[in-house]
Amino acid sequence: MSTYNEQMQKNADRFISETGYTVFTAKEVASWAIKNNLWAPHSDLLVRQCADDFAKALREQYITDGQGRRVRQKHVALVEQGEKQIPMWADIKTASCDHMKRAFRLRRN
């Protein structure tokens, strides 16, 4: 049984053989492999990428308060679950006082 890297190398060799390319980018090989169903992302990778995109978008969401100030609408706080700290998001309009204290403490550090 071949390793993941060996499978990738064989697919790159197949790309060269089938396309005739002698010089190519990794992106070209990747597009070809995906189009030919030789590679697919793990679902965990998709979830991680999507979560990262959401986190970036949430950090950039602002509202204007009653005094005309620009205020972040979504805030992240680290919440302990067992031995791990999990980032949990909340809207400033509905977040608990404890969540906001944790979020502000995290931002200050």
PDB file of N, CA and C in Angstrom:
ATOM      1  N   MET A   1       0.843  -1.181   0.000  1.00  0.00           N
ATOM      2  CA  MET A   1       0.000   0.000   0.000  1.00  0.00           C
ATOM      3  C   MET A   1       0.888   1.244   0.000  1.00  0.00           C
ATOM      4  N   SER A   2       0.587   2.166  -0.904  1.00  0.00           N
ATOM      5  CA  SER A   2       1.429   3.352  -1.002  1.00  0.00           C
ATOM      6  C   SER A   2       0.954   4.444  -0.038  1.00  0.00           C
ATOM      7  N   THR A   3       1.892   5.290   0.315  1.00  0.00           N
ATOM      8  CA  THR A   3       1.570   6.403   1.214  1.00  0.00           C
ATOM      9  C   THR A   3       0.856   7.499   0.423  1.00  0.00           C
ATOM     10  N   TYR A   4       0.316   8.443   1.150  1.00  0.00           N
ATOM     11  CA  TYR A   4      -0.365   9.569   0.519  1.00  0.00           C
ATOM     12  C   TYR A   4       0.579  10.305  -0.425  1.00  0.00           C
ATOM     13  N   ASN A   5       1.800  10.576   0.023  1.00  0.00           N
ATOM     14  CA  ASN A   5       2.775  11.274  -0.827  1.00  0.00           C
ATOM     15  C   ASN A   5       3.091  10.479  -2.086  1.00  0.00           C
ATOM     16  N   GLU A   6       3.211   9.167  -1.943  1.00  0.00           N
ATOM     17  CA  GLU A   6       3.484   8.327  -3.116  1.00  0.00           C
ATOM     18  C   GLU A   6       2.315   8.369  -4.102  1.00  0.00           C
ATOM     19  N   GLN A   7       1.094   8.386  -3.589  1.00  0.00           N
ATOM     20  CA  GLN A   7      -0.080   8.505  -4.461  1.00  0.00           C
ATOM     21  C   GLN A   7      -0.069   9.845  -5.197  1.00  0.00           C
ATOM     22  N   MET A   8       0.280  10.899  -4.479  1.00  0.00           N
ATOM     23  CA  MET A   8       0.343  12.224  -5.102  1.00  0.00           C
ATOM     24  C   MET A   8       1.419  12.250  -6.194  1.00  0.00           C
ATOM     25  N   GLN A   9       2.565  11.631  -5.921  1.00  0.00           N
ATOM     26  CA  GLN A   9       3.645  11.578  -6.901  1.00  0.00           C
ATOM     27  C   GLN A   9       3.219  10.798  -8.147  1.00  0.00           C
ATOM     28  N   LYS A  10       2.513   9.682  -7.954  1.00  0.00           N
ATOM     29  CA  LYS A  10       2.021   8.896  -9.095  1.00  0.00           C
ATOM     30  C   LYS A  10       1.021   9.697  -9.913  1.00  0.00           C
ATOM     31  N   ASN A  11       0.168  10.438  -9.226  1.00  0.00           N
ATOM     32  CA  ASN A  11      -0.795  11.270  -9.948  1.00  0.00           C
ATOM     33  C   ASN A  11      -0.103  12.384 -10.717  1.00  0.00           C
ATOM     34  N   ALA A  12       0.962  12.951 -10.163  1.00  0.00           N
ATOM     35  CA  ALA A  12       1.727  13.973 -10.879  1.00  0.00           C
ATOM     36  C   ALA A  12       2.374  13.370 -12.119  1.00  0.00           C
ATOM     37  N   ASP A  13       2.916  12.163 -11.987  1.00  0.00           N
ATOM     38  CA  ASP A  13       3.494  11.481 -13.150  1.00  0.00           C
ATOM     39  C   ASP A  13       2.428  11.214 -14.210  1.00  0.00           C
ATOM     40  N   ARG A  14       1.247  10.831 -13.762  1.00  0.00           N
ATOM     41  CA  ARG A  14       0.132  10.585 -14.688  1.00  0.00           C
ATOM     42  C   ARG A  14      -0.259  11.886 -15.391  1.00  0.00           C
ATOM     43  N   PHE A  15      -0.270  12.993 -14.641  1.00  0.00           N
ATOM     44  CA  PHE A  15      -0.560  14.310 -15.220  1.00  0.00           C
ATOM     45  C   PHE A  15       0.415  14.619 -16.346  1.00  0.00           C
ATOM     46  N   ILE A  16       1.700  14.418 -16.079  1.00  0.00           N
ATOM     47  CA  ILE A  16       2.733  14.684 -17.081  1.00  0.00           C
ATOM     48  C   ILE A  16       2.515  13.807 -18.309  1.00  0.00           C
ATOM     49  N   SER A  17       2.244  12.534 -18.065  1.00  0.00           N
ATOM     50  CA  SER A  17       2.039  11.581 -19.151  1.00  0.00           C
ATOM     51  C   SER A  17       0.820  11.936 -20.000  1.00  0.00           C
ATOM     52  N   GLU A  18      -0.287  12.277 -19.339  1.00  0.00           N
ATOM     53  CA  GLU A  18      -1.534  12.526 -20.061  1.00  0.00           C
ATOM     54  C   GLU A  18      -1.596  13.895 -20.721  1.00  0.00           C
ATOM     55  N   THR A  19      -0.943  14.902 -20.123  1.00  0.00           N
ATOM     56  CA  THR A  19      -1.036  16.256 -20.675  1.00  0.00           C
ATOM     57  C   THR A  19       0.148  16.611 -21.567  1.00  0.00           C
ATOM     58  N   GLY A  20       1.269  15.927 -21.383  1.00  0.00           N
ATOM     59  CA  GLY A  20       2.467  16.254 -22.143  1.00  0.00           C
ATOM     60  C   GLY A  20       3.218  17.449 -21.588  1.00  0.00           C
ATOM     61  N   TYR A  21       2.747  18.005 -20.471  1.00  0.00           N
ATOM     62  CA  TYR A  21       3.430  19.144 -19.856  1.00  0.00           C
ATOM     63  C   TYR A  21       4.780  18.681 -19.304  1.00  0.00           C
ATOM     64  N   THR A  22       5.787  19.495 -19.501  1.00  0.00           N
ATOM     65  CA  THR A  22       7.085  19.217 -18.892  1.00  0.00           C
ATOM     66  C   THR A  22       7.384  20.232 -17.792  1.00  0.00           C
ATOM     67  N   VAL A  23       6.713  21.359 -17.854  1.00  0.00           N
ATOM     68  CA  VAL A  23       6.813  22.399 -16.831  1.00  0.00           C
ATOM     69  C   VAL A  23       5.391  22.752 -16.445  1.00  0.00           C
ATOM     70  N   PHE A  24       5.120  22.808 -15.145  1.00  0.00           N
ATOM     71  CA  PHE A  24       3.749  23.024 -14.694  1.00  0.00           C
ATOM     72  C   PHE A  24       3.750  23.552 -13.270  1.00  0.00           C
ATOM     73  N   THR A  25       2.627  24.081 -12.866  1.00  0.00           N
ATOM     74  CA  THR A  25       2.473  24.538 -11.486  1.00  0.00           C
ATOM     75  C   THR A  25       1.734  23.469 -10.681  1.00  0.00           C
ATOM     76  N   ALA A  26       1.897  23.518  -9.382  1.00  0.00           N
ATOM     77  CA  ALA A  26       1.164  22.601  -8.512  1.00  0.00           C
ATOM     78  C   ALA A  26      -0.337  22.843  -8.645  1.00  0.00           C
ATOM     79  N   LYS A  27      -0.715  24.095  -8.893  1.00  0.00           N
ATOM     80  CA  LYS A  27      -2.133  24.422  -9.061  1.00  0.00           C
ATOM     81  C   LYS A  27      -2.703  23.749 -10.309  1.00  0.00           C
ATOM     82  N   GLU A  28      -1.919  23.682 -11.376  1.00  0.00           N
ATOM     83  CA  GLU A  28      -2.369  22.998 -12.596  1.00  0.00           C
ATOM     84  C   GLU A  28      -2.579  21.513 -12.337  1.00  0.00           C
ATOM     85  N   VAL A  29      -1.649  20.895 -11.632  1.00  0.00           N
ATOM     86  CA  VAL A  29      -1.788  19.472 -11.302  1.00  0.00           C
ATOM     87  C   VAL A  29      -3.009  19.264 -10.408  1.00  0.00           C
ATOM     88  N   ALA A  30      -3.195  20.150  -9.442  1.00  0.00           N
ATOM     89  CA  ALA A  30      -4.321  20.031  -8.525  1.00  0.00           C
ATOM     90  C   ALA A  30      -5.645  20.145  -9.270  1.00  0.00           C
ATOM     91  N   SER A  31      -5.769  21.118 -10.149  1.00  0.00           N
ATOM     92  CA  SER A  31      -7.004  21.283 -10.927  1.00  0.00           C
ATOM     93  C   SER A  31      -7.285  20.053 -11.767  1.00  0.00           C
ATOM     94  N   TRP A  32      -6.249  19.527 -12.393  1.00  0.00           N
ATOM     95  CA  TRP A  32      -6.390  18.330 -13.215  1.00  0.00           C
ATOM     96  C   TRP A  32      -6.810  17.134 -12.359  1.00  0.00           C
ATOM     97  N   ALA A  33      -6.188  16.961 -11.211  1.00  0.00           N
ATOM     98  CA  ALA A  33      -6.496  15.819 -10.345  1.00  0.00           C
ATOM     99  C   ALA A  33      -7.925  15.897  -9.824  1.00  0.00           C
ATOM    100  N   ILE A  34      -8.371  17.078  -9.451  1.00  0.00           N
ATOM    101  CA  ILE A  34      -9.737  17.228  -8.960  1.00  0.00           C
ATOM    102  C   ILE A  34     -10.734  16.956 -10.084  1.00  0.00           C
ATOM    103  N   LYS A  35     -10.462  17.516 -11.261  1.00  0.00           N
ATOM    104  CA  LYS A  35     -11.356  17.330 -12.409  1.00  0.00           C
ATOM    105  C   LYS A  35     -11.464  15.848 -12.794  1.00  0.00           C
ATOM    106  N   ASN A  36     -10.387  15.100 -12.602  1.00  0.00           N
ATOM    107  CA  ASN A  36     -10.361  13.683 -12.961  1.00  0.00           C
ATOM    108  C   ASN A  36     -10.682  12.760 -11.777  1.00  0.00           C
ATOM    109  N   ASN A  37     -11.215  13.332 -10.708  1.00  0.00           N
ATOM    110  CA  ASN A  37     -11.610  12.566  -9.510  1.00  0.00           C
ATOM    111  C   ASN A  37     -10.472  11.742  -8.917  1.00  0.00           C
ATOM    112  N   LEU A  38      -9.265  12.281  -8.976  1.00  0.00           N
ATOM    113  CA  LEU A  38      -8.113  11.609  -8.387  1.00  0.00           C
ATOM    114  C   LEU A  38      -7.777  12.159  -7.008  1.00  0.00           C
ATOM    115  N   TRP A  39      -8.409  13.261  -6.649  1.00  0.00           N
ATOM    116  CA  TRP A  39      -8.172  13.872  -5.344  1.00  0.00           C
ATOM    117  C   TRP A  39      -9.434  14.589  -4.910  1.00  0.00           C
ATOM    118  N   ALA A  40      -9.750  14.477  -3.635  1.00  0.00           N
ATOM    119  CA  ALA A  40     -10.869  15.212  -3.043  1.00  0.00           C
ATOM    120  C   ALA A  40     -10.458  15.600  -1.633  1.00  0.00           C
ATOM    121  N   PRO A  41     -10.890  16.762  -1.180  1.00  0.00           N
ATOM    122  CA  PRO A  41     -10.517  17.187   0.169  1.00  0.00           C
ATOM    123  C   PRO A  41     -11.238  16.355   1.216  1.00  0.00           C
ATOM    124  N   HIS A  42     -10.596  16.170   2.354  1.00  0.00           N
ATOM    125  CA  HIS A  42     -11.247  15.524   3.487  1.00  0.00           C
ATOM    126  C   HIS A  42     -12.310  16.471   4.013  1.00  0.00           C
ATOM    127  N   SER A  43     -13.409  15.927   4.478  1.00  0.00           N
ATOM    128  CA  SER A  43     -14.500  16.785   4.950  1.00  0.00           C
ATOM    129  C   SER A  43     -14.030  17.682   6.094  1.00  0.00           C
ATOM    130  N   ASP A  44     -13.119  17.208   6.935  1.00  0.00           N
ATOM    131  CA  ASP A  44     -12.607  18.024   8.029  1.00  0.00           C
ATOM    132  C   ASP A  44     -11.892  19.264   7.500  1.00  0.00           C
ATOM    133  N   LEU A  45     -11.189  19.113   6.399  1.00  0.00           N
ATOM    134  CA  LEU A  45     -10.493  20.244   5.784  1.00  0.00           C
ATOM    135  C   LEU A  45     -11.494  21.283   5.303  1.00  0.00           C
ATOM    136  N   LEU A  46     -12.585  20.834   4.709  1.00  0.00           N
ATOM    137  CA  LEU A  46     -13.620  21.759   4.243  1.00  0.00           C
ATOM    138  C   LEU A  46     -14.255  22.500   5.411  1.00  0.00           C
ATOM    139  N   VAL A  47     -14.552  21.783   6.475  1.00  0.00           N
ATOM    140  CA  VAL A  47     -15.161  22.400   7.651  1.00  0.00           C
ATOM    141  C   VAL A  47     -14.202  23.418   8.263  1.00  0.00           C
ATOM    142  N   ARG A  48     -12.920  23.056   8.379  1.00  0.00           N
ATOM    143  CA  ARG A  48     -11.926  23.975   8.932  1.00  0.00           C
ATOM    144  C   ARG A  48     -11.807  25.247   8.100  1.00  0.00           C
ATOM    145  N   GLN A  49     -11.760  25.088   6.771  1.00  0.00           N
ATOM    146  CA  GLN A  49     -11.659  26.249   5.883  1.00  0.00           C
ATOM    147  C   GLN A  49     -12.895  27.131   6.008  1.00  0.00           C
ATOM    148  N   CYS A  50     -14.063  26.511   6.029  1.00  0.00           N
ATOM    149  CA  CYS A  50     -15.304  27.269   6.159  1.00  0.00           C
ATOM    150  C   CYS A  50     -15.347  28.000   7.502  1.00  0.00           C
ATOM    151  N   ALA A  51     -14.947  27.323   8.573  1.00  0.00           N
ATOM    152  CA  ALA A  51     -14.927  27.948   9.900  1.00  0.00           C
ATOM    153  C   ALA A  51     -13.969  29.132   9.932  1.00  0.00           C
ATOM    154  N   ASP A  52     -12.809  28.992   9.306  1.00  0.00           N
ATOM    155  CA  ASP A  52     -11.854  30.098   9.236  1.00  0.00           C
ATOM    156  C   ASP A  52     -12.451  31.287   8.481  1.00  0.00           C
ATOM    157  N   ASP A  53     -13.168  30.990   7.383  1.00  0.00           N
ATOM    158  CA  ASP A  53     -13.801  32.057   6.610  1.00  0.00           C
ATOM    159  C   ASP A  53     -14.879  32.763   7.439  1.00  0.00           C
ATOM    160  N   PHE A  54     -15.675  31.971   8.182  1.00  0.00           N
ATOM    161  CA  PHE A  54     -16.689  32.573   9.040  1.00  0.00           C
ATOM    162  C   PHE A  54     -16.042  33.443  10.119  1.00  0.00           C
ATOM    163  N   ALA A  55     -14.999  32.945  10.763  1.00  0.00           N
ATOM    164  CA  ALA A  55     -14.337  33.703  11.821  1.00  0.00           C
ATOM    165  C   ALA A  55     -13.811  35.029  11.289  1.00  0.00           C
ATOM    166  N   LYS A  56     -13.216  35.005  10.104  1.00  0.00           N
ATOM    167  CA  LYS A  56     -12.706  36.245   9.502  1.00  0.00           C
ATOM    168  C   LYS A  56     -13.849  37.214   9.240  1.00  0.00           C
ATOM    169  N   ALA A  57     -14.941  36.717   8.691  1.00  0.00           N
ATOM    170  CA  ALA A  57     -16.090  37.576   8.391  1.00  0.00           C
ATOM    171  C   ALA A  57     -16.707  38.137   9.672  1.00  0.00           C
ATOM    172  N   LEU A  58     -16.819  37.305  10.704  1.00  0.00           N
ATOM    173  CA  LEU A  58     -17.422  37.753  11.955  1.00  0.00           C
ATOM    174  C   LEU A  58     -16.580  38.825  12.634  1.00  0.00           C
ATOM    175  N   ARG A  59     -15.251  38.704  12.542  1.00  0.00           N
ATOM    176  CA  ARG A  59     -14.365  39.711  13.137  1.00  0.00           C
ATOM    177  C   ARG A  59     -14.528  41.075  12.470  1.00  0.00           C
ATOM    178  N   GLU A  60     -14.991  41.068  11.222  1.00  0.00           N
ATOM    179  CA  GLU A  60     -15.088  42.307  10.458  1.00  0.00           C
ATOM    180  C   GLU A  60     -16.513  42.875  10.420  1.00  0.00           C
ATOM    181  N   GLN A  61     -17.435  42.307  11.205  1.00  0.00           N
ATOM    182  CA  GLN A  61     -18.817  42.791  11.204  1.00  0.00           C
ATOM    183  C   GLN A  61     -18.989  43.868  12.274  1.00  0.00           C
ATOM    184  N   TYR A  62     -19.406  45.051  11.839  1.00  0.00           N
ATOM    185  CA  TYR A  62     -19.558  46.191  12.738  1.00  0.00           C
ATOM    186  C   TYR A  62     -20.968  46.761  12.650  1.00  0.00           C
ATOM    187  N   ILE A  63     -21.378  47.408  13.725  1.00  0.00           N
ATOM    188  CA  ILE A  63     -22.619  48.169  13.758  1.00  0.00           C
ATOM    189  C   ILE A  63     -22.296  49.556  14.314  1.00  0.00           C
ATOM    190  N   THR A  64     -23.238  50.466  14.205  1.00  0.00           N
ATOM    191  CA  THR A  64     -23.065  51.793  14.786  1.00  0.00           C
ATOM    192  C   THR A  64     -23.945  51.883  16.015  1.00  0.00           C
ATOM    193  N   ASP A  65     -23.363  52.252  17.146  1.00  0.00           N
ATOM    194  CA  ASP A  65     -24.142  52.328  18.388  1.00  0.00           C
ATOM    195  C   ASP A  65     -24.938  53.632  18.440  1.00  0.00           C
ATOM    196  N   GLY A  66     -25.693  53.812  19.495  1.00  0.00           N
ATOM    197  CA  GLY A  66     -26.548  54.980  19.653  1.00  0.00           C
ATOM    198  C   GLY A  66     -25.807  56.306  19.664  1.00  0.00           C
ATOM    199  N   GLN A  67     -24.510  56.255  19.979  1.00  0.00           N
ATOM    200  CA  GLN A  67     -23.707  57.492  20.012  1.00  0.00           C
ATOM    201  C   GLN A  67     -22.894  57.689  18.736  1.00  0.00           C
ATOM    202  N   GLY A  68     -23.192  56.851  17.725  1.00  0.00           N
ATOM    203  CA  GLY A  68     -22.516  56.998  16.436  1.00  0.00           C
ATOM    204  C   GLY A  68     -21.156  56.351  16.349  1.00  0.00           C
ATOM    205  N   ARG A  69     -20.797  55.531  17.343  1.00  0.00           N
ATOM    206  CA  ARG A  69     -19.486  54.860  17.324  1.00  0.00           C
ATOM    207  C   ARG A  69     -19.591  53.536  16.585  1.00  0.00           C
ATOM    208  N   ARG A  70     -18.511  53.181  15.915  1.00  0.00           N
ATOM    209  CA  ARG A  70     -18.417  51.909  15.214  1.00  0.00           C
ATOM    210  C   ARG A  70     -18.017  50.838  16.229  1.00  0.00           C
ATOM    211  N   VAL A  71     -18.823  49.772  16.331  1.00  0.00           N
ATOM    212  CA  VAL A  71     -18.626  48.742  17.351  1.00  0.00           C
ATOM    213  C   VAL A  71     -18.682  47.366  16.685  1.00  0.00           C
ATOM    214  N   ARG A  72     -17.766  46.481  17.090  1.00  0.00           N
ATOM    215  CA  ARG A  72     -17.825  45.111  16.576  1.00  0.00           C
ATOM    216  C   ARG A  72     -19.106  44.442  17.045  1.00  0.00           C
ATOM    217  N   GLN A  73     -19.771  43.756  16.120  1.00  0.00           N
ATOM    218  CA  GLN A  73     -21.041  43.122  16.463  1.00  0.00           C
ATOM    219  C   GLN A  73     -20.854  41.721  17.029  1.00  0.00           C
ATOM    220  N   LYS A  74     -19.917  40.954  16.501  1.00  0.00           N
ATOM    221  CA  LYS A  74     -19.693  39.581  16.960  1.00  0.00           C
ATOM    222  C   LYS A  74     -18.386  39.514  17.739  1.00  0.00           C
ATOM    223  N   HIS A  75     -18.418  38.763  18.835  1.00  0.00           N
ATOM    224  CA  HIS A  75     -17.238  38.664  19.704  1.00  0.00           C
ATOM    225  C   HIS A  75     -16.957  37.207  20.031  1.00  0.00           C
ATOM    226  N   VAL A  76     -15.671  36.880  20.043  1.00  0.00           N
ATOM    227  CA  VAL A  76     -15.241  35.523  20.355  1.00  0.00           C
ATOM    228  C   VAL A  76     -14.665  35.485  21.764  1.00  0.00           C
ATOM    229  N   ALA A  77     -14.983  34.410  22.470  1.00  0.00           N
ATOM    230  CA  ALA A  77     -14.434  34.174  23.806  1.00  0.00           C
ATOM    231  C   ALA A  77     -14.007  32.720  23.883  1.00  0.00           C
ATOM    232  N   LEU A  78     -12.953  32.456  24.626  1.00  0.00           N
ATOM    233  CA  LEU A  78     -12.512  31.074  24.815  1.00  0.00           C
ATOM    234  C   LEU A  78     -13.279  30.462  25.980  1.00  0.00           C
ATOM    235  N   VAL A  79     -13.873  29.307  25.715  1.00  0.00           N
ATOM    236  CA  VAL A  79     -14.665  28.595  26.709  1.00  0.00           C
ATOM    237  C   VAL A  79     -14.018  27.236  26.930  1.00  0.00           C
ATOM    238  N   GLU A  80     -13.813  26.884  28.182  1.00  0.00           N
ATOM    239  CA  GLU A  80     -13.168  25.605  28.487  1.00  0.00           C
ATOM    240  C   GLU A  80     -14.146  24.458  28.320  1.00  0.00           C
ATOM    241  N   GLN A  81     -13.700  23.456  27.573  1.00  0.00           N
ATOM    242  CA  GLN A  81     -14.439  22.204  27.426  1.00  0.00           C
ATOM    243  C   GLN A  81     -13.445  21.082  27.690  1.00  0.00           C
ATOM    244  N   GLY A  82     -13.532  20.516  28.884  1.00  0.00           N
ATOM    245  CA  GLY A  82     -12.538  19.525  29.288  1.00  0.00           C
ATOM    246  C   GLY A  82     -11.192  20.194  29.444  1.00  0.00           C
ATOM    247  N   GLU A  83     -10.210  19.677  28.736  1.00  0.00           N
ATOM    248  CA  GLU A  83      -8.867  20.249  28.796  1.00  0.00           C
ATOM    249  C   GLU A  83      -8.609  21.240  27.667  1.00  0.00           C
ATOM    250  N   LYS A  84      -9.598  21.449  26.804  1.00  0.00           N
ATOM    251  CA  LYS A  84      -9.437  22.343  25.660  1.00  0.00           C
ATOM    252  C   LYS A  84     -10.137  23.676  25.891  1.00  0.00           C
ATOM    253  N   GLN A  85      -9.667  24.678  25.176  1.00  0.00           N
ATOM    254  CA  GLN A  85     -10.347  25.964  25.134  1.00  0.00           C
ATOM    255  C   GLN A  85     -10.918  26.123  23.724  1.00  0.00           C
ATOM    256  N   ILE A  86     -12.225  26.295  23.648  1.00  0.00           N
ATOM    257  CA  ILE A  86     -12.929  26.370  22.375  1.00  0.00           C
ATOM    258  C   ILE A  86     -13.353  27.815  22.123  1.00  0.00           C
ATOM    259  N   PRO A  87     -13.063  28.363  20.930  1.00  0.00           N
ATOM    260  CA  PRO A  87     -13.532  29.715  20.626  1.00  0.00           C
ATOM    261  C   PRO A  87     -15.033  29.691  20.327  1.00  0.00           C
ATOM    262  N   MET A  88     -15.804  30.468  21.097  1.00  0.00           N
ATOM    263  CA  MET A  88     -17.247  30.534  20.930  1.00  0.00           C
ATOM    264  C   MET A  88     -17.623  31.976  20.579  1.00  0.00           C
ATOM    265  N   TRP A  89     -18.474  32.139  19.568  1.00  0.00           N
ATOM    266  CA  TRP A  89     -18.880  33.448  19.082  1.00  0.00           C
ATOM    267  C   TRP A  89     -20.248  33.820  19.630  1.00  0.00           C
ATOM    268  N   ALA A  90     -20.486  35.108  19.799  1.00  0.00           N
ATOM    269  CA  ALA A  90     -21.794  35.610  20.218  1.00  0.00           C
ATOM    270  C   ALA A  90     -21.986  37.024  19.677  1.00  0.00           C
ATOM    271  N   ASP A  91     -23.245  37.380  19.475  1.00  0.00           N
ATOM    272  CA  ASP A  91     -23.608  38.729  19.040  1.00  0.00           C
ATOM    273  C   ASP A  91     -23.641  39.643  20.256  1.00  0.00           C
ATOM    274  N   ILE A  92     -23.118  40.836  20.105  1.00  0.00           N
ATOM    275  CA  ILE A  92     -23.037  41.767  21.235  1.00  0.00           C
ATOM    276  C   ILE A  92     -24.422  42.082  21.803  1.00  0.00           C
ATOM    277  N   LYS A  93     -25.454  42.000  20.964  1.00  0.00           N
ATOM    278  CA  LYS A  93     -26.817  42.332  21.397  1.00  0.00           C
ATOM    279  C   LYS A  93     -27.428  41.242  22.284  1.00  0.00           C
ATOM    280  N   THR A  94     -26.929  39.995  22.160  1.00  0.00           N
ATOM    281  CA  THR A  94     -27.542  38.889  22.900  1.00  0.00           C
ATOM    282  C   THR A  94     -26.562  38.135  23.791  1.00  0.00           C
ATOM    283  N   ALA A  95     -25.290  38.497  23.757  1.00  0.00           N
ATOM    284  CA  ALA A  95     -24.263  37.781  24.522  1.00  0.00           C
ATOM    285  C   ALA A  95     -24.448  37.993  26.020  1.00  0.00           C
ATOM    286  N   SER A  96     -24.074  36.988  26.767  1.00  0.00           N
ATOM    287  CA  SER A  96     -24.115  37.122  28.227  1.00  0.00           C
ATOM    288  C   SER A  96     -22.992  38.050  28.682  1.00  0.00           C
ATOM    289  N   CYS A  97     -23.151  38.571  29.866  1.00  0.00           N
ATOM    290  CA  CYS A  97     -22.126  39.440  30.449  1.00  0.00           C
ATOM    291  C   CYS A  97     -20.809  38.667  30.578  1.00  0.00           C
ATOM    292  N   ASP A  98     -20.891  37.412  31.003  1.00  0.00           N
ATOM    293  CA  ASP A  98     -19.698  36.581  31.160  1.00  0.00           C
ATOM    294  C   ASP A  98     -18.984  36.399  29.821  1.00  0.00           C
ATOM    295  N   HIS A  99     -19.742  36.154  28.752  1.00  0.00           N
ATOM    296  CA  HIS A  99     -19.131  35.973  27.436  1.00  0.00           C
ATOM    297  C   HIS A  99     -18.389  37.245  27.021  1.00  0.00           C
ATOM    298  N   MET A 100     -19.015  38.385  27.212  1.00  0.00           N
ATOM    299  CA  MET A 100     -18.388  39.638  26.796  1.00  0.00           C
ATOM    300  C   MET A 100     -17.147  39.940  27.631  1.00  0.00           C
ATOM    301  N   LYS A 101     -17.187  39.641  28.928  1.00  0.00           N
ATOM    302  CA  LYS A 101     -15.990  39.839  29.763  1.00  0.00           C
ATOM    303  C   LYS A 101     -14.843  38.984  29.247  1.00  0.00           C
ATOM    304  N   ARG A 102     -15.142  37.724  28.932  1.00  0.00           N
ATOM    305  CA  ARG A 102     -14.103  36.827  28.393  1.00  0.00           C
ATOM    306  C   ARG A 102     -13.582  37.341  27.054  1.00  0.00           C
ATOM    307  N   ALA A 103     -14.489  37.805  26.199  1.00  0.00           N
ATOM    308  CA  ALA A 103     -14.096  38.302  24.881  1.00  0.00           C
ATOM    309  C   ALA A 103     -13.191  39.525  25.004  1.00  0.00           C
ATOM    310  N   PHE A 104     -13.565  40.468  25.862  1.00  0.00           N
ATOM    311  CA  PHE A 104     -12.742  41.671  26.029  1.00  0.00           C
ATOM    312  C   PHE A 104     -11.387  41.346  26.636  1.00  0.00           C
ATOM    313  N   ARG A 105     -11.374  40.403  27.580  1.00  0.00           N
ATOM    314  CA  ARG A 105     -10.111  39.976  28.197  1.00  0.00           C
ATOM    315  C   ARG A 105      -9.209  39.352  27.129  1.00  0.00           C
ATOM    316  N   LEU A 106      -9.792  38.544  26.253  1.00  0.00           N
ATOM    317  CA  LEU A 106      -9.033  37.900  25.180  1.00  0.00           C
ATOM    318  C   LEU A 106      -8.456  38.941  24.217  1.00  0.00           C
ATOM    319  N   ARG A 107      -9.246  39.932  23.860  1.00  0.00           N
ATOM    320  CA  ARG A 107      -8.774  40.973  22.941  1.00  0.00           C
ATOM    321  C   ARG A 107      -7.660  41.810  23.556  1.00  0.00           C
ATOM    322  N   ARG A 108      -7.756  42.073  24.861  1.00  0.00           N
ATOM    323  CA  ARG A 108      -6.708  42.871  25.514  1.00  0.00           C
ATOM    324  C   ARG A 108      -5.392  42.137  25.572  1.00  0.00           C
ATOM    325  N   ASN A 109      -5.456  40.822  25.713  1.00  0.00           N
ATOM    326  CA  ASN A 109      -4.231  40.036  25.780  1.00  0.00           C
ATOM    327  C   ASN A 109      -3.695  39.806  24.382  1.00  0.00           C
TER     328      ASN A 109
END
